[in-house]
C-alpha atoms as a PDB file:
ATOM      1  CA  MET A   1      -2.088   4.066 -20.935  1.00  0.00           C
ATOM      2  CA  SER A   2      -1.208   2.340 -24.171  1.00  0.00           C
ATOM      3  CA  GLN A   3      -2.576  -1.103 -24.986  1.00  0.00           C
ATOM      4  CA  ASP A   4       0.917  -2.596 -24.615  1.00  0.00           C
ATOM      5  CA  SER A   5       1.499  -1.093 -21.168  1.00  0.00           C
ATOM      6  CA  THR A   6      -1.987  -2.153 -20.034  1.00  0.00           C
ATOM      7  CA  GLU A   7      -1.309  -5.737 -21.065  1.00  0.00           C
ATOM      8  CA  ALA A   8       2.149  -5.682 -19.452  1.00  0.00           C
ATOM      9  CA  TYR A   9       0.591  -4.507 -16.173  1.00  0.00           C
ATOM     10  CA  LEU A  10      -2.144  -7.173 -16.257  1.00  0.00           C
ATOM     11  CA  HIS A  11       0.460  -9.861 -16.981  1.00  0.00           C
ATOM     12  CA  THR A  12       2.044  -9.199 -13.578  1.00  0.00           C
ATOM     13  CA  PHE A  13      -0.902 -11.140 -12.140  1.00  0.00           C
ATOM     14  CA  GLN A  14      -1.578 -14.857 -12.401  1.00  0.00           C
ATOM     15  CA  GLU A  15      -4.175 -16.091 -14.891  1.00  0.00           C
ATOM     16  CA  GLU A  16      -6.066 -18.170 -12.331  1.00  0.00           C
ATOM     17  CA  LYS A  17      -8.988 -16.394 -10.682  1.00  0.00           C
ATOM     18  CA  GLN A  18     -10.115 -16.915  -7.104  1.00  0.00           C
ATOM     19  CA  GLU A  19     -12.895 -15.698  -4.855  1.00  0.00           C
ATOM     20  CA  LEU A  20     -11.968 -13.872  -1.674  1.00  0.00           C
ATOM     21  CA  ILE A  21     -14.006 -12.289   1.082  1.00  0.00           C
ATOM     22  CA  VAL A  22     -11.938  -9.345   2.275  1.00  0.00           C
ATOM     23  CA  ARG A  23     -12.121  -6.907   5.169  1.00  0.00           C
ATOM     24  CA  ILE A  24     -11.069  -3.466   3.942  1.00  0.00           C
ATOM     25  CA  SER A  25      -8.554  -1.713   6.212  1.00  0.00           C
ATOM     26  CA  TRP A  26      -7.720   1.249   3.967  1.00  0.00           C
ATOM     27  CA  CYS A  27      -9.405   2.877   0.997  1.00  0.00           C
ATOM     28  CA  TRP A  28      -9.604   6.250  -0.687  1.00  0.00           C
ATOM     29  CA  GLU A  29     -11.637   8.819   1.224  1.00  0.00           C
ATOM     30  CA  LYS A  30     -12.610  12.384   0.479  1.00  0.00           C
ATOM     31  CA  GLY A  31      -9.716  14.715   1.252  1.00  0.00           C
ATOM     32  CA  LEU A  32      -6.983  12.226   0.307  1.00  0.00           C
ATOM     33  CA  PRO A  33      -4.842  12.872  -2.790  1.00  0.00           C
ATOM     34  CA  PRO A  34      -6.224  11.268  -5.978  1.00  0.00           C
ATOM     35  CA  PHE A  35      -4.669   8.128  -7.369  1.00  0.00           C
ATOM     36  CA  PRO A  36      -2.063   8.713 -10.082  1.00  0.00           C
ATOM     37  CA  MET A  37      -3.228   8.895 -13.669  1.00  0.00           C
ATOM     38  CA  ILE A  38      -1.729   6.599 -16.291  1.00  0.00           C
ATOM     39  CA  GLY A  39      -3.072   7.749 -19.630  1.00  0.00           C
ATOM     40  CA  ASN A  40      -6.867   7.776 -19.303  1.00  0.00           C
ATOM     41  CA  TYR A  41      -6.849   5.425 -16.326  1.00  0.00           C
ATOM     42  CA  TYR A  42      -6.542   5.778 -12.580  1.00  0.00           C
ATOM     43  CA  LYS A  43      -4.302   3.164 -10.974  1.00  0.00           C
ATOM     44  CA  ALA A  44      -6.629   2.640  -8.027  1.00  0.00           C
ATOM     45  CA  ARG A  45      -5.927   0.756  -4.815  1.00  0.00           C
ATOM     46  CA  ALA A  46      -7.417  -0.385  -1.530  1.00  0.00           C
ATOM     47  CA  ARG A  47      -5.978  -2.559   1.229  1.00  0.00           C
ATOM     48  CA  PHE A  48      -7.310  -5.404   3.375  1.00  0.00           C
ATOM     49  CA  ASP A  49      -5.999  -6.837   6.629  1.00  0.00           C
ATOM     50  CA  ARG A  50      -7.716 -10.239   6.552  1.00  0.00           C
ATOM     51  CA  ALA A  51      -9.470 -12.319   3.932  1.00  0.00           C
ATOM     52  CA  ILE A  52     -10.964 -15.749   3.406  1.00  0.00           C
ATOM     53  CA  ASP A  53     -10.334 -17.914   0.376  1.00  0.00           C
ATOM     54  CA  VAL A  54     -13.914 -18.924  -0.472  1.00  0.00           C
ATOM     55  CA  LYS A  55     -12.845 -22.239  -2.038  1.00  0.00           C
ATOM     56  CA  THR A  56     -10.645 -23.489   0.814  1.00  0.00           C
ATOM     57  CA  GLY A  57     -12.037 -21.538   3.780  1.00  0.00           C
ATOM     58  CA  GLU A  58      -8.481 -20.520   4.684  1.00  0.00           C
ATOM     59  CA  VAL A  59      -7.957 -17.178   6.432  1.00  0.00           C
ATOM     60  CA  ILE A  60      -5.206 -15.261   4.615  1.00  0.00           C
ATOM     61  CA  GLY A  61      -3.503 -11.900   4.906  1.00  0.00           C
ATOM     62  CA  GLU A  62      -2.542 -11.994   8.584  1.00  0.00           C
ATOM     63  CA  GLY A  63       1.088 -11.118   9.248  1.00  0.00           C
ATOM     64  CA  ILE A  64       1.479  -9.527   5.792  1.00  0.00           C
ATOM     65  CA  ALA A  65       2.478  -5.866   5.831  1.00  0.00           C
ATOM     66  CA  PHE A  66       0.511  -4.874   2.749  1.00  0.00           C
ATOM     67  CA  ASN A  67      -2.347  -6.765   1.090  1.00  0.00           C
ATOM     68  CA  TRP A  68      -3.169  -4.585  -1.902  1.00  0.00           C
ATOM     69  CA  LEU A  69      -6.262  -4.695  -4.072  1.00  0.00           C
ATOM     70  CA  GLU A  70      -5.637  -3.020  -7.426  1.00  0.00           C
ATOM     71  CA  TRP A  71      -7.723  -2.157 -10.449  1.00  0.00           C
ATOM     72  CA  LEU A  72      -7.713   0.199 -13.416  1.00  0.00           C
ATOM     73  CA  SER A  73     -10.489   2.775 -13.576  1.00  0.00           C
ATOM     74  CA  GLU A  74     -11.061   4.721 -16.766  1.00  0.00           C
ATOM     75  CA  LYS A  75     -11.315   8.484 -16.320  1.00  0.00           C
ATOM     76  CA  LYS A  76     -14.893   9.756 -16.429  1.00  0.00           C
ATOM     77  CA  LEU A  77     -16.703  13.060 -16.002  1.00  0.00           C
ATOM     78  CA  PHE A  78     -19.431  11.984 -13.579  1.00  0.00           C
ATOM     79  CA  GLY A  79     -19.857   9.612 -10.649  1.00  0.00           C
ATOM     80  CA  PHE A  80     -17.234   8.102  -8.345  1.00  0.00           C
ATOM     81  CA  ARG A  81     -14.064   8.399 -10.370  1.00  0.00           C
ATOM     82  CA  PHE A  82     -12.143   5.439  -8.927  1.00  0.00           C
ATOM     83  CA  GLY A  83     -14.453   2.600  -9.938  1.00  0.00           C
ATOM     84  CA  TYR A  84     -15.039   0.365  -6.912  1.00  0.00           C
ATOM     85  CA  HIS A  85     -16.239   2.399  -3.931  1.00  0.00           C
ATOM     86  CA  PHE A  86     -14.993   0.382  -0.954  1.00  0.00           C
ATOM     87  CA  GLN A  87     -15.502   1.401   2.670  1.00  0.00           C
ATOM     88  CA  ARG A  88     -13.123   0.779   5.545  1.00  0.00           C
ATOM     89  CA  GLY A  89     -14.189  -2.053   7.873  1.00  0.00           C
ATOM     90  CA  HIS A  90     -16.731  -3.488   5.401  1.00  0.00           C
ATOM     91  CA  LEU A  91     -16.624  -7.005   3.967  1.00  0.00           C
ATOM     92  CA  TYR A  92     -16.736  -7.693   0.226  1.00  0.00           C
ATOM     93  CA  ARG A  93     -16.706 -10.837  -1.909  1.00  0.00           C
ATOM     94  CA  LEU A  94     -14.389 -10.333  -4.863  1.00  0.00           C
ATOM     95  CA  LEU A  95     -13.157 -12.213  -7.897  1.00  0.00           C
ATOM     96  CA  VAL A  96      -9.404 -11.541  -8.049  1.00  0.00           C
ATOM     97  CA  ARG A  97      -6.110 -12.636  -9.578  1.00  0.00           C
ATOM     98  CA  GLU A  98      -3.088 -12.804  -7.279  1.00  0.00           C
ATOM     99  CA  ASP A  99       0.237 -11.368  -8.431  1.00  0.00           C
ATOM    100  CA  LEU A 100       3.079 -13.545  -9.626  1.00  0.00           C
ATOM    101  CA  PRO A 101       5.247 -15.228  -6.950  1.00  0.00           C
ATOM    102  CA  ARG A 102       7.887 -12.965  -5.423  1.00  0.00           C
ATOM    103  CA  ASP A 103      10.706 -13.066  -2.879  1.00  0.00           C
ATOM    104  CA  ASN A 104       9.219 -10.300  -0.705  1.00  0.00           C
ATOM    105  CA  VAL A 105       6.362 -12.041   1.096  1.00  0.00           C
ATOM    106  CA  GLN A 106       5.362  -8.875   2.964  1.00  0.00           C
ATOM    107  CA  PHE A 107       3.679  -7.527  -0.171  1.00  0.00           C
ATOM    108  CA  ARG A 108       0.743  -9.200  -1.858  1.00  0.00           C
ATOM    109  CA  ARG A 109      -1.222  -7.752  -4.746  1.00  0.00           C
ATOM    110  CA  TYR A 110      -4.582  -8.855  -6.104  1.00  0.00           C
ATOM    111  CA  TYR A 111      -6.159  -7.511  -9.265  1.00  0.00           C
ATOM    112  CA  VAL A 112      -9.914  -7.047  -8.823  1.00  0.00           C
ATOM    113  CA  GLU A 113     -11.761  -8.606 -11.741  1.00  0.00           C
ATOM    114  CA  GLN A 114     -15.247  -8.236 -10.304  1.00  0.00           C
ATOM    115  CA  LEU A 115     -17.103  -7.130  -7.181  1.00  0.00           C
ATOM    116  CA  LEU A 116     -19.455 -10.037  -6.478  1.00  0.00           C
ATOM    117  CA  GLU A 117     -21.149  -9.044  -3.226  1.00  0.00           C
ATOM    118  CA  LYS A 118     -21.214  -6.158  -0.743  1.00  0.00           C
ATOM    119  CA  ASN A 119     -21.830  -6.213   3.029  1.00  0.00           C
ATOM    120  CA  VAL A 120     -20.942  -9.887   3.380  1.00  0.00           C
ATOM    121  CA  ASN A 121     -21.627 -11.586   6.718  1.00  0.00           C
ATOM    122  CA  GLU A 122     -18.559 -13.681   7.583  1.00  0.00           C
ATOM    123  CA  PRO A 123     -17.984 -14.389  11.314  1.00  0.00           C
ATOM    124  CA  LYS A 124     -14.393 -15.519  10.717  1.00  0.00           C
ATOM    125  CA  LEU A 125     -13.451 -11.955   9.744  1.00  0.00           C
ATOM    126  CA  LEU A 126     -15.062 -10.260  12.711  1.00  0.00           C
ATOM    127  CA  PRO A 127     -12.674  -9.129  15.478  1.00  0.00           C
ATOM    128  CA  ASN A 128     -12.248 -11.740  18.215  1.00  0.00           C
ATOM    129  CA  LEU A 129     -10.757  -9.764  21.092  1.00  0.00           C
ATOM    130  CA  ARG A 130     -10.287 -12.723  23.433  1.00  0.00           C
ATOM    131  CA  GLU A 131      -8.392 -14.771  20.842  1.00  0.00           C
ATOM    132  CA  PHE A 132      -6.426 -11.750  19.774  1.00  0.00           C
ATOM    133  CA  SER A 133      -5.297 -11.043  23.341  1.00  0.00           C
ATOM    134  CA  LEU A 134      -4.257 -14.619  24.061  1.00  0.00           C
ATOM    135  CA  ASN A 135      -2.277 -15.081  20.854  1.00  0.00           C
ATOM    136  CA  ARG A 136      -0.257 -11.913  21.409  1.00  0.00           C
ATOM    137  CA  LYS A 137       0.185 -11.514  17.663  1.00  0.00           C
ATOM    138  CA  PRO A 138       1.312  -8.155  16.342  1.00  0.00           C
ATOM    139  CA  SER A 139      -1.607  -5.836  15.701  1.00  0.00           C
ATOM    140  CA  GLN A 140      -1.720  -2.682  13.687  1.00  0.00           C
ATOM    141  CA  PHE A 141      -3.503   0.611  13.931  1.00  0.00           C
ATOM    142  CA  GLU A 142      -3.545   3.477  11.513  1.00  0.00           C
ATOM    143  CA  MET A 143      -3.494   7.240  11.816  1.00  0.00           C
ATOM    144  CA  GLN A 144      -3.438  10.180   9.462  1.00  0.00           C
ATOM    145  CA  ILE A 145      -0.799  12.915   9.698  1.00  0.00           C
ATOM    146  CA  ASP A 146      -0.194  16.023   7.633  1.00  0.00           C
ATOM    147  CA  TRP A 147       2.695  15.533   5.209  1.00  0.00           C
ATOM    148  CA  LEU A 148       3.581  18.915   3.768  1.00  0.00           C
ATOM    149  CA  GLY A 149      -0.046  19.772   3.115  1.00  0.00           C
ATOM    150  CA  GLU A 150      -1.266  16.300   2.124  1.00  0.00           C
ATOM    151  CA  ASN A 151      -2.727  13.434   4.148  1.00  0.00           C
ATOM    152  CA  CYS A 152      -0.302  10.629   4.959  1.00  0.00           C
ATOM    153  CA  THR A 153      -1.277   7.217   6.356  1.00  0.00           C
ATOM    154  CA  VAL A 154       0.905   5.835   9.155  1.00  0.00           C
ATOM    155  CA  CYS A 155       0.540   2.162  10.174  1.00  0.00           C
ATOM    156  CA  VAL A 156       1.894   1.343  13.630  1.00  0.00           C
ATOM    157  CA  GLU A 157       2.560  -2.269  14.622  1.00  0.00           C
ATOM    158  CA  MET A 158       2.320  -3.060  18.310  1.00  0.00           C
ATOM    159  CA  ALA A 159       1.807  -6.076  20.534  1.00  0.00           C
ATOM    160  CA  ALA A 160      -1.809  -6.993  21.077  1.00  0.00           C
ATOM    161  CA  GLY A 161      -3.120  -5.572  24.341  1.00  0.00           C
ATOM    162  CA  ASP A 162      -0.828  -2.530  24.337  1.00  0.00           C
ATOM    163  CA  LYS A 163      -2.826   0.643  24.822  1.00  0.00           C
ATOM    164  CA  GLU A 164      -0.344   2.949  23.168  1.00  0.00           C
ATOM    165  CA  SER A 165       3.090   3.050  21.636  1.00  0.00           C
ATOM    166  CA  GLU A 166       5.186   5.808  23.137  1.00  0.00           C
ATOM    167  CA  THR A 167       8.175   4.869  21.003  1.00  0.00           C
ATOM    168  CA  ALA A 168       6.148   5.155  17.813  1.00  0.00           C
ATOM    169  CA  SER A 169       4.911   8.574  18.922  1.00  0.00           C
ATOM    170  CA  LYS A 170       8.493   9.680  19.529  1.00  0.00           C
ATOM    171  CA  LYS A 171       9.473   8.409  16.085  1.00  0.00           C
ATOM    172  CA  LEU A 172       6.793  10.527  14.486  1.00  0.00           C
ATOM    173  CA  GLU A 173       7.768  13.539  16.571  1.00  0.00           C
ATOM    174  CA  GLU A 174      11.376  13.195  15.387  1.00  0.00           C
ATOM    175  CA  ILE A 175      10.248  13.075  11.767  1.00  0.00           C
ATOM    176  CA  CYS A 176       7.774  15.939  12.035  1.00  0.00           C
ATOM    177  CA  THR A 177      10.129  18.269  13.921  1.00  0.00           C
ATOM    178  CA  ASP A 178      11.674  19.260  10.578  1.00  0.00           C
ATOM    179  CA  LEU A 179       9.495  17.450   8.052  1.00  0.00           C
ATOM    180  CA  PRO A 180      10.698  19.343   4.939  1.00  0.00           C
ATOM    181  CA  ALA A 181      14.294  18.321   5.693  1.00  0.00           C
ATOM    182  CA  PHE A 182      13.311  14.709   6.396  1.00  0.00           C
ATOM    183  CA  ASP A 183      11.177  14.528   3.252  1.00  0.00           C
ATOM    184  CA  HIS A 184      14.109  15.837   1.207  1.00  0.00           C
ATOM    185  CA  ARG A 185      16.510  13.388   2.882  1.00  0.00           C
ATOM    186  CA  ILE A 186      14.539  10.219   2.137  1.00  0.00           C
ATOM    187  CA  LYS A 187      13.668  11.262  -1.421  1.00  0.00           C
ATOM    188  CA  GLU A 188      17.270  12.203  -2.114  1.00  0.00           C
ATOM    189  CA  TYR A 189      18.364   8.757  -0.884  1.00  0.00           C
ATOM    190  CA  ILE A 190      15.896   7.093  -3.256  1.00  0.00           C
ATOM    191  CA  VAL A 191      17.038   9.224  -6.187  1.00  0.00           C
ATOM    192  CA  ASP A 192      20.736   8.574  -5.453  1.00  0.00           C
ATOM    193  CA  THR A 193      20.096   4.839  -5.219  1.00  0.00           C
ATOM    194  CA  MET A 194      17.739   4.335  -8.150  1.00  0.00           C
ATOM    195  CA  SER A 195      18.503   7.061 -10.682  1.00  0.00           C
ATOM    196  CA  GLY A 196      20.845   4.719 -12.557  1.00  0.00           C
ATOM    197  CA  SER A 197      17.982   2.358 -13.423  1.00  0.00           C
ATOM    198  CA  ILE A 198      15.465   5.013 -14.475  1.00  0.00           C
ATOM    199  CA  LYS A 199      16.438   4.960 -18.151  1.00  0.00           C
ATOM    200  CA  GLU A 200      16.173   1.173 -18.231  1.00  0.00           C
ATOM    201  CA  TRP A 201      12.559   1.386 -17.053  1.00  0.00           C
ATOM    202  CA  CYS A 202      11.400   4.638 -18.686  1.00  0.00           C
ATOM    203  CA  GLY A 203      13.446   4.585 -21.839  1.00  0.00           C
ATOM    204  CA  LYS A 204      14.690   8.104 -21.116  1.00  0.00           C
ATOM    205  CA  GLU A 205      16.661  10.063 -18.555  1.00  0.00           C
ATOM    206  CA  ILE A 206      14.758  11.755 -15.707  1.00  0.00           C
ATOM    207  CA  GLY A 207      16.381  14.701 -13.918  1.00  0.00           C
ATOM    208  CA  ARG A 208      16.931  14.668 -10.156  1.00  0.00           C
ATOM    209  CA  GLU A 209      14.421  17.421  -9.423  1.00  0.00           C
ATOM    210  CA  GLU A 210      11.706  15.836 -11.559  1.00  0.00           C
ATOM    211  CA  PHE A 211      12.358  12.421  -9.965  1.00  0.00           C
ATOM    212  CA  MET A 212      12.018  13.895  -6.465  1.00  0.00           C
ATOM    213  CA  LYS A 213       8.842  15.799  -7.345  1.00  0.00           C
ATOM    214  CA  ARG A 214       7.224  12.636  -8.654  1.00  0.00           C
ATOM    215  CA  LEU A 215       7.796  10.921  -5.289  1.00  0.00           C
ATOM    216  CA  ARG A 216       4.759  12.196  -3.455  1.00  0.00           C
ATOM    217  CA  VAL A 217       3.353  11.158  -0.079  1.00  0.00           C
ATOM    218  CA  PRO A 218       4.633   7.850   1.357  1.00  0.00           C
ATOM    219  CA  LEU A 219       2.670   5.188   3.181  1.00  0.00           C
ATOM    220  CA  ILE A 220       4.576   4.716   6.449  1.00  0.00           C
ATOM    221  CA  THR A 221       4.845   1.610   8.622  1.00  0.00           C
ATOM    222  CA  ILE A 222       6.471   1.716  12.065  1.00  0.00           C
ATOM    223  CA  HIS A 223       7.388  -1.834  13.131  1.00  0.00           C
ATOM    224  CA  GLU A 224       7.540  -3.201  16.662  1.00  0.00           C
ATOM    225  CA  ASP A 225      11.345  -3.060  16.600  1.00  0.00           C
ATOM    226  CA  ASN A 226      11.094   0.683  15.766  1.00  0.00           C
ATOM    227  CA  SER A 227      12.371   0.243  12.225  1.00  0.00           C
ATOM    228  CA  MET A 228      10.318   1.977   9.553  1.00  0.00           C
ATOM    229  CA  GLU A 229       9.232   1.467   5.949  1.00  0.00           C
ATOM    230  CA  PHE A 230       8.186   4.155   3.499  1.00  0.00           C
ATOM    231  CA  VAL A 231       6.243   3.051   0.425  1.00  0.00           C
ATOM    232  CA  PHE A 232       5.991   5.509  -2.463  1.00  0.00           C
ATOM    233  CA  ASP A 233       3.902   5.228  -5.606  1.00  0.00           C
ATOM    234  CA  ASP A 234       6.343   5.267  -8.510  1.00  0.00           C
ATOM    235  CA  ASP A 235       4.208   7.586 -10.720  1.00  0.00           C
ATOM    236  CA  ASN A 236       4.791   4.991 -13.459  1.00  0.00           C
ATOM    237  CA  LEU A 237       8.558   5.483 -13.419  1.00  0.00           C
ATOM    238  CA  PHE A 238       9.178   1.783 -12.710  1.00  0.00           C
ATOM    239  CA  GLY A 239       6.326   0.084 -14.512  1.00  0.00           C
ATOM    240  CA  GLY A 240       3.806   0.635 -11.721  1.00  0.00           C
ATOM    241  CA  HIS A 241       5.896  -0.971  -8.961  1.00  0.00           C
ATOM    242  CA  SER A 242       5.922   0.639  -5.525  1.00  0.00           C
ATOM    243  CA  ILE A 243       9.205   2.024  -4.196  1.00  0.00           C
ATOM    244  CA  LEU A 244      10.038   0.667  -0.739  1.00  0.00           C
ATOM    245  CA  LEU A 245      12.530   2.518   1.470  1.00  0.00           C
ATOM    246  CA  GLU A 246      13.734   0.917   4.713  1.00  0.00           C
ATOM    247  CA  MET A 247      15.058   2.736   7.778  1.00  0.00           C
ATOM    248  CA  ASP A 248      16.490   0.950  10.815  1.00  0.00           C
ATOM    249  CA  SER A 249      15.649   1.674  14.458  1.00  0.00           C
ATOM    250  CA  GLU A 250      18.600   4.091  14.692  1.00  0.00           C
ATOM    251  CA  GLY A 251      17.251   6.236  11.878  1.00  0.00           C
ATOM    252  CA  GLN A 252      19.729   5.058   9.250  1.00  0.00           C
ATOM    253  CA  LEU A 253      18.394   4.565   5.712  1.00  0.00           C
ATOM    254  CA  THR A 254      19.405   1.044   4.760  1.00  0.00           C
ATOM    255  CA  ALA A 255      17.791  -0.072   1.499  1.00  0.00           C
ATOM    256  CA  VAL A 256      15.581   0.854  -1.444  1.00  0.00           C
ATOM    257  CA  MET A 257      13.798  -1.706  -3.570  1.00  0.00           C
ATOM    258  CA  LEU A 258      10.865  -2.128  -5.910  1.00  0.00           C
ATOM    259  CA  ALA A 259       7.828  -3.966  -4.612  1.00  0.00           C
ATOM    260  CA  GLY A 260       4.328  -4.660  -5.811  1.00  0.00           C
END
């Protein structure tokens, strides 16, 4: 990553720093594909479902589809290659910078400046099953499926108290019945929609086949209304922004946009 591109990436976050205590809901684990390389750096990520602003005591993150933690980790020969070694379900106190304001409130990004404390004890972030059941707020569980030989994370939203989501299972069955064809369909839609803006971002033309190959495994969310979102890493085609593809409950692809 050149100095200019590094600075451009860091300028997508606000200058003001804040302390958060976060509960990690997703992080890299052995067996998952590595993060993409940008020059000599990994563009590493983790995700949290709830957090507390240490200064205000406010609980944040609830109701947001994706709360991303991001950081750049320089490539090295030994040790954990992705810098911060977070663990799912654990609490951490972090010094972060939030991304610049955006229209899409379902995506929030925070650049991790420093890991301040591990294994934090914060009762507000512990699961409260009674409160959760009474509020009937949407909850989310995650699963891993095989996506053409690679692990793929699927987030399923469902009403609190539901024991299972038969509709979500049927959605996945429909996709996985002929996964190669479905994979080709959604990537082709992205390429058809966004190929015209590639040169503007990359400074050069990218062929269809190369564009499709660089769209790897999506992060999938199945919403309560049975619509779906597929989030792809852009492999630095669009300045590090994620590519968000939306599909309605009838299976029609409806929109592609950049996010994050």
